[in-house]
Amino acid sequence: MSKSEQLSSGLIIIARNTTGQVITRLTCTRSREVVSAMKSARSVLQLKVGAVRVEVHRQEAPTSNYPGKPLAAMSLDDLMGEQTR
């Protein structure tokens, strides 16, 4: 598999701010499983200042805004719901 094929088949975590702008992009290098990526995404949501939503997507071009439907997503509201259970 070529380097470009490896990148295109991987997953990426993106964090968005309140306007929906992508403020962070992290390539998932350890796993290609969405469940594993969401564990990392949860940490990004907790730690990245300004992040209100994280999404897991199939990796696209480095400058992509990832307008399509994510494979998985989580918002700050979801985190708050977890803490009250």
Protein backbone atom coordinates (compact mmCIF):
# COMPACT_ATOMS: atom_id res chain seq x y z
CA MET A 1 0.00 0.00 0.00
CA SER A 2 1.43 3.40 -0.96
CA LYS A 3 1.77 6.25 1.52
CA SER A 4 -1.11 8.16 -0.13
CA GLU A 5 -3.35 5.08 0.08
CA GLN A 6 -2.52 4.67 3.77
CA LEU A 7 -3.44 8.28 4.50
CA SER A 8 -6.68 8.17 2.54
CA SER A 9 -7.87 5.05 4.35
CA GLY A 10 -7.13 6.42 7.83
CA LEU A 11 -9.30 8.28 10.29
CA ILE A 12 -8.99 11.85 11.45
CA ILE A 13 -10.41 13.62 14.50
CA ILE A 14 -11.50 17.20 13.98
CA ALA A 15 -12.62 19.69 16.60
CA ARG A 16 -15.01 22.50 15.76
CA ASN A 17 -15.71 25.78 17.54
CA THR A 18 -19.10 27.43 18.06
CA THR A 19 -19.19 28.66 14.45
CA GLY A 20 -18.45 25.20 13.05
CA GLN A 21 -14.94 26.11 11.97
CA VAL A 22 -12.33 23.33 12.18
CA ILE A 23 -9.88 24.36 14.90
CA THR A 24 -7.92 21.10 15.30
CA ARG A 25 -7.13 18.09 13.11
CA LEU A 26 -5.53 14.95 14.54
CA THR A 27 -4.68 11.93 12.43
CA CYS A 28 -5.46 8.62 14.13
CA THR A 29 -2.19 6.74 13.80
CA ARG A 30 -2.72 3.89 16.24
CA SER A 31 -6.07 2.55 15.15
CA ARG A 32 -8.46 2.59 12.25
CA GLU A 33 -11.41 1.77 14.48
CA VAL A 34 -14.03 4.45 15.09
CA VAL A 35 -14.58 3.41 18.73
CA SER A 36 -10.90 3.87 19.52
CA ALA A 37 -10.82 7.21 17.67
CA MET A 38 -13.82 8.43 19.69
CA LYS A 39 -11.94 7.77 22.94
CA SER A 40 -9.23 10.12 21.73
CA ALA A 41 -11.81 12.58 20.39
CA ARG A 42 -13.41 12.75 23.84
CA SER A 43 -10.08 13.84 25.30
CA VAL A 44 -9.68 16.48 22.58
CA LEU A 45 -13.12 17.85 23.42
CA GLN A 46 -12.21 18.09 27.09
CA LEU A 47 -8.79 19.64 26.55
CA LYS A 48 -8.97 21.86 23.45
CA VAL A 49 -9.91 25.41 24.37
CA GLY A 50 -12.78 26.59 22.18
CA ALA A 51 -13.86 23.13 21.03
CA VAL A 52 -17.60 22.48 21.31
CA ARG A 53 -17.80 19.42 19.03
CA VAL A 54 -15.48 16.67 17.82
CA GLU A 55 -16.00 14.43 14.82
CA VAL A 56 -14.32 11.35 13.37
CA HIS A 57 -14.06 11.26 9.59
CA ARG A 58 -12.26 9.28 6.92
CA GLN A 59 -9.16 11.31 6.20
CA GLU A 60 -9.42 13.76 3.29
CA ALA A 61 -7.15 16.51 1.99
CA PRO A 62 -5.16 18.40 4.67
CA THR A 63 -7.22 21.56 4.10
CA SER A 64 -10.64 19.89 3.97
CA ASN A 65 -13.44 21.38 6.07
CA TYR A 66 -15.07 17.93 6.30
CA PRO A 67 -18.56 19.05 5.25
CA GLY A 68 -19.95 15.50 5.01
CA LYS A 69 -21.58 13.40 7.68
CA PRO A 70 -19.01 12.19 10.24
CA LEU A 71 -18.55 8.53 11.14
CA ALA A 72 -19.08 9.58 14.78
CA ALA A 73 -19.45 12.83 16.71
CA MET A 74 -19.65 14.16 20.26
CA SER A 75 -20.46 17.60 21.65
CA LEU A 76 -19.93 19.36 24.96
CA ASP A 77 -23.61 18.69 25.69
CA ASP A 78 -22.90 14.97 25.40
CA LEU A 79 -20.08 15.28 27.93
CA MET A 80 -22.32 17.14 30.36
CA GLY A 81 -24.91 14.38 30.04
CA GLU A 82 -22.28 11.78 30.92
CA GLN A 83 -21.33 13.65 34.09
CA THR A 84 -24.91 13.80 35.38
CA ARG A 85 -25.57 10.08 35.06
